[in-house]
Amino acid sequence: MRVLAIDTALAACSAAVFDAKRGAIIASETLAMIRGHAEALMPLIARVMDLANIEFAELDRIAVTAGPGSFTGLRVGIAASRGIALAAGKPAIGLSTLAGFAAPLIAEDDSSNVVAAIDARHDQVYLQVFGAGGRTLVAPRIAALHDAARAAMTGPARIVGSAAIQVAAAWPKGVEPPLQVEQRDAPDIGWIARLGAAADDGSGPPKPLYLRAPDARPQDAARLPRR
């Protein structure tokens, strides 16, 4: 199986091609960025596909981070994955950004808990806690920092993600501290590709996982009256 993985959910624009038969990432590129994903993504995908030396029709699946993350970034990645899937006649699937953060730590050691945490701003985080074997102990949610730290205390834990340091700093005093704190601005695109190869493709087209309503809302006073 050959998977094209795309990530524009957070502070990077990334793509990779994973060949499951060879068990290897055959091409990848990541650009660190807060804005500009829409302009950077398609040229980046073209470079990755050229480096992999395959055509879109030779792919078996397109995988994309579907959230949580930046509202704009998620829409950019999901729209690209759906467009490529439609043109190539291949399935597209959405993957959790939180699972993408947790995957390498679970692969390294699945005997202790992994807390994936993403900065949601306003002293809030997106959070998911994974237990032994990668099973979900705390489902994806948005929570205040202190509530997130309490929810994460389900056992000896490693914390990873763009809010890892924030959650560790909110850890209650007198409680056994986290085993590991790994601050990362975006998930490793190689692991997104591997998760894409392992995922069930029967879930339909990718849809954004926002976990909260958008910050920007239309102002009633600015609306024009209907005729």
Protein backbone atom coordinates (compact mmCIF):
# COMPACT_ATOMS: atom_id res chain seq x y z
CA MET A 1 0.00 0.00 0.00
CA ARG A 2 1.16 3.50 -0.87
CA VAL A 3 -0.17 6.38 1.18
CA LEU A 4 0.12 10.12 0.60
CA ALA A 5 -0.12 11.87 3.98
CA ILE A 6 -0.92 15.57 4.38
CA ASP A 7 -0.74 17.75 7.49
CA THR A 8 -1.68 21.43 7.71
CA ALA A 9 -3.43 21.28 11.09
CA LEU A 10 -0.94 23.26 13.16
CA ALA A 11 2.43 25.00 12.76
CA ALA A 12 3.68 23.06 9.73
CA CYS A 13 2.83 22.24 6.15
CA SER A 14 3.84 18.65 5.48
CA ALA A 15 3.43 15.78 3.07
CA ALA A 16 4.92 12.30 2.82
CA VAL A 17 4.57 9.13 0.79
CA PHE A 18 4.72 5.85 2.72
CA ASP A 19 5.21 2.49 1.02
CA ALA A 20 3.84 -0.17 3.37
CA LYS A 21 5.34 -3.01 1.33
CA ARG A 22 8.80 -1.56 1.86
CA GLY A 23 7.93 -0.36 5.35
CA ALA A 24 9.49 3.01 4.62
CA ILE A 25 8.80 6.68 3.97
CA ILE A 26 10.02 7.13 0.40
CA ALA A 27 9.61 10.90 0.25
CA SER A 28 8.64 13.68 2.66
CA GLU A 29 8.92 17.41 3.23
CA THR A 30 7.93 19.66 6.12
CA LEU A 31 7.86 23.46 6.21
CA ALA A 32 7.42 25.14 9.58
CA MET A 33 4.77 27.86 9.28
CA ILE A 34 1.91 29.45 11.18
CA ARG A 35 0.18 30.93 8.11
CA GLY A 36 0.36 30.40 4.36
CA HIS A 37 -0.56 26.71 4.22
CA ALA A 38 -2.95 27.26 1.32
CA GLU A 39 -0.23 28.74 -0.89
CA ALA A 40 2.48 26.27 0.16
CA LEU A 41 0.65 22.94 0.18
CA MET A 42 0.11 21.98 -3.47
CA PRO A 43 3.67 22.89 -4.62
CA LEU A 44 4.98 20.93 -1.63
CA ILE A 45 2.87 17.88 -2.53
CA ALA A 46 4.11 18.09 -6.12
CA ARG A 47 7.73 18.07 -4.93
CA VAL A 48 7.10 15.07 -2.64
CA MET A 49 5.37 13.12 -5.40
CA ASP A 50 8.24 13.89 -7.79
CA LEU A 51 10.77 12.74 -5.20
CA ALA A 52 8.79 9.54 -4.62
CA ASN A 53 8.70 9.06 -8.40
CA ILE A 54 5.08 7.91 -8.48
CA GLU A 55 1.85 9.22 -9.98
CA PHE A 56 -1.27 10.05 -7.99
CA ALA A 57 -3.05 7.12 -9.67
CA GLU A 58 -0.44 4.78 -8.14
CA LEU A 59 -1.43 5.77 -4.61
CA ASP A 60 -3.78 3.54 -2.64
CA ARG A 61 -4.96 6.11 -0.13
CA ILE A 62 -4.70 9.76 0.89
CA ALA A 63 -4.55 10.50 4.62
CA VAL A 64 -4.92 13.92 6.22
CA THR A 65 -4.90 15.32 9.73
CA ALA A 66 -8.53 16.26 10.38
CA GLY A 67 -8.12 17.92 13.76
CA PRO A 68 -8.13 19.29 16.25
CA GLY A 69 -6.07 22.23 15.07
CA SER A 70 -6.26 25.54 13.27
CA PHE A 71 -9.67 26.04 11.66
CA THR A 72 -8.10 27.45 8.48
CA GLY A 73 -5.31 24.88 8.38
CA LEU A 74 -7.71 21.97 8.72
CA ARG A 75 -9.87 23.22 5.87
CA VAL A 76 -6.81 23.59 3.61
CA GLY A 77 -5.57 20.05 4.20
CA ILE A 78 -8.97 18.38 4.02
CA ALA A 79 -9.91 20.20 0.81
CA ALA A 80 -6.61 19.17 -0.80
CA SER A 81 -7.00 15.53 0.26
CA ARG A 82 -10.54 15.36 -1.08
CA GLY A 83 -9.55 16.96 -4.38
CA ILE A 84 -6.61 14.62 -4.91
CA ALA A 85 -8.72 11.59 -3.94
CA LEU A 86 -11.45 12.58 -6.37
CA ALA A 87 -9.01 13.16 -9.24
CA ALA A 88 -7.06 9.97 -8.57
CA GLY A 89 -10.10 7.81 -7.82
CA LYS A 90 -8.67 6.78 -4.44
CA PRO A 91 -10.12 6.92 -0.91
CA ALA A 92 -9.26 9.77 1.46
CA ILE A 93 -9.34 9.33 5.24
CA GLY A 94 -9.06 11.72 8.16
CA LEU A 95 -6.75 11.10 11.11
CA SER A 96 -6.68 12.65 14.57
CA THR A 97 -3.89 15.16 15.11
CA LEU A 98 -3.74 13.98 18.73
CA ALA A 99 -3.17 10.38 17.62
CA GLY A 100 -0.44 11.63 15.29
CA PHE A 101 1.39 13.18 18.24
CA ALA A 102 0.98 10.09 20.40
CA ALA A 103 1.88 7.44 17.80
CA PRO A 104 5.70 7.52 18.03
CA LEU A 105 5.63 7.41 21.84
CA ILE A 106 3.18 4.51 21.83
CA ALA A 107 5.33 2.67 19.29
CA GLU A 108 8.39 3.23 21.49
CA ASP A 109 6.69 1.96 24.66
CA ASP A 110 3.01 1.11 24.92
CA SER A 111 3.12 0.13 28.60
CA SER A 112 2.66 3.64 30.05
CA ASN A 113 0.10 6.32 29.31
CA VAL A 114 0.59 8.97 26.64
CA VAL A 115 -1.08 12.37 26.94
CA ALA A 116 -1.39 14.26 23.65
CA ALA A 117 -2.04 17.96 24.20
CA ILE A 118 -2.49 20.78 21.67
CA ASP A 119 -2.57 24.47 22.56
CA ALA A 120 -6.14 25.70 21.99
CA ARG A 121 -5.33 29.22 23.28
CA HIS A 122 -7.22 31.10 26.02
CA ASP A 123 -5.59 28.79 28.64
CA GLN A 124 -7.25 25.77 27.08
CA VAL A 125 -5.90 22.64 25.42
CA TYR A 126 -7.17 19.88 23.16
CA LEU A 127 -6.45 16.65 24.98
CA GLN A 128 -6.52 12.88 24.56
CA VAL A 129 -5.07 10.25 26.88
CA PHE A 130 -3.91 6.88 25.54
CA GLY A 131 -3.32 3.86 27.74
CA ALA A 132 -1.59 0.51 27.33
CA GLY A 133 -1.66 -0.71 23.75
CA GLY A 134 -2.79 2.70 22.50
CA ARG A 135 -6.38 2.36 23.76
CA THR A 136 -8.18 5.61 24.57
CA LEU A 137 -8.56 6.39 28.28
CA VAL A 138 -9.75 9.99 27.88
CA ALA A 139 -11.52 10.79 24.61
CA PRO A 140 -10.57 13.90 22.60
CA ARG A 141 -11.85 17.03 24.32
CA ILE A 142 -11.13 20.68 24.97
CA ALA A 143 -10.37 21.59 28.58
CA ALA A 144 -8.90 24.30 30.76
CA LEU A 145 -5.23 23.69 31.58
CA HIS A 146 -5.78 22.60 35.18
CA ASP A 147 -8.68 20.35 34.19
CA ALA A 148 -6.53 18.85 31.44
CA ALA A 149 -3.75 18.09 33.93
CA ARG A 150 -6.22 16.37 36.27
CA ALA A 151 -7.73 14.36 33.40
CA ALA A 152 -4.23 13.26 32.38
CA MET A 153 -3.42 11.82 35.81
CA THR A 154 -4.62 8.31 35.04
CA GLY A 155 -1.22 6.79 35.80
CA PRO A 156 2.48 7.33 35.00
CA ALA A 157 2.32 9.45 31.86
CA ARG A 158 4.33 10.93 29.04
CA ILE A 159 3.09 14.21 27.57
CA VAL A 160 3.56 15.24 23.93
CA GLY A 161 2.28 18.03 21.72
CA SER A 162 2.25 21.78 21.31
CA ALA A 163 0.86 22.23 24.86
CA ALA A 164 3.04 19.60 26.56
CA ILE A 165 5.00 22.14 28.62
CA GLN A 166 1.80 23.97 29.60
CA VAL A 167 0.11 20.79 30.85
CA ALA A 168 3.25 19.73 32.73
CA ALA A 169 3.43 23.17 34.38
CA ALA A 170 -0.19 22.77 35.55
CA TRP A 171 0.54 19.35 37.10
CA PRO A 172 -0.69 19.37 40.73
CA LYS A 173 2.00 19.57 43.40
CA GLY A 174 2.57 16.42 45.41
CA VAL A 175 1.58 14.17 42.52
CA GLU A 176 4.09 11.99 40.69
CA PRO A 177 5.40 14.20 37.83
CA PRO A 178 5.17 13.18 34.14
CA LEU A 179 7.73 10.62 33.00
CA GLN A 180 8.48 12.63 29.86
CA VAL A 181 7.53 16.01 28.42
CA GLU A 182 8.03 16.37 24.66
CA GLN A 183 7.09 19.74 23.20
CA ARG A 184 6.31 19.51 19.48
CA ASP A 185 4.68 22.14 17.26
CA ALA A 186 3.26 19.60 14.77
CA PRO A 187 3.03 15.82 14.47
CA ASP A 188 5.67 13.88 12.55
CA ILE A 189 4.33 13.51 9.00
CA GLY A 190 5.95 10.10 8.73
CA TRP A 191 3.77 8.83 11.55
CA ILE A 192 0.67 10.37 9.97
CA ALA A 193 1.50 8.36 6.85
CA ARG A 194 1.98 5.15 8.85
CA LEU A 195 -1.30 5.68 10.69
CA GLY A 196 -2.93 6.27 7.32
CA ALA A 197 -1.73 2.90 6.08
CA ALA A 198 -3.04 1.13 9.19
CA ALA A 199 -6.43 2.89 9.36
CA ASP A 200 -9.79 1.57 8.27
CA ASP A 201 -10.78 3.32 5.02
CA GLY A 202 -14.48 2.68 5.47
CA SER A 203 -15.14 5.89 7.42
CA GLY A 204 -15.95 8.05 4.38
CA PRO A 205 -14.40 11.36 3.30
CA PRO A 206 -12.42 13.22 5.99
CA LYS A 207 -14.33 15.74 8.08
CA PRO A 208 -12.85 18.36 10.40
CA LEU A 209 -12.68 17.57 14.11
CA TYR A 210 -12.89 21.06 15.62
CA LEU A 211 -13.91 20.23 19.24
CA ARG A 212 -15.11 23.81 19.68
CA ALA A 213 -16.97 26.53 17.80
CA PRO A 214 -14.90 29.04 15.79
CA ASP A 215 -13.69 32.19 17.57
CA ALA A 216 -14.93 34.45 14.76
CA ARG A 217 -18.70 34.83 14.44
CA PRO A 218 -20.79 37.10 12.22
CA GLN A 219 -22.01 40.28 13.88
CA ASP A 220 -25.80 40.66 13.78
CA ALA A 221 -25.50 44.44 13.49
CA ALA A 222 -23.40 44.09 10.35
CA ARG A 223 -25.92 41.95 8.49
CA LEU A 224 -27.84 43.47 5.63
CA PRO A 225 -31.62 43.19 5.84
CA ARG A 226 -33.20 40.63 3.53
CA ARG A 227 -35.58 41.85 0.84
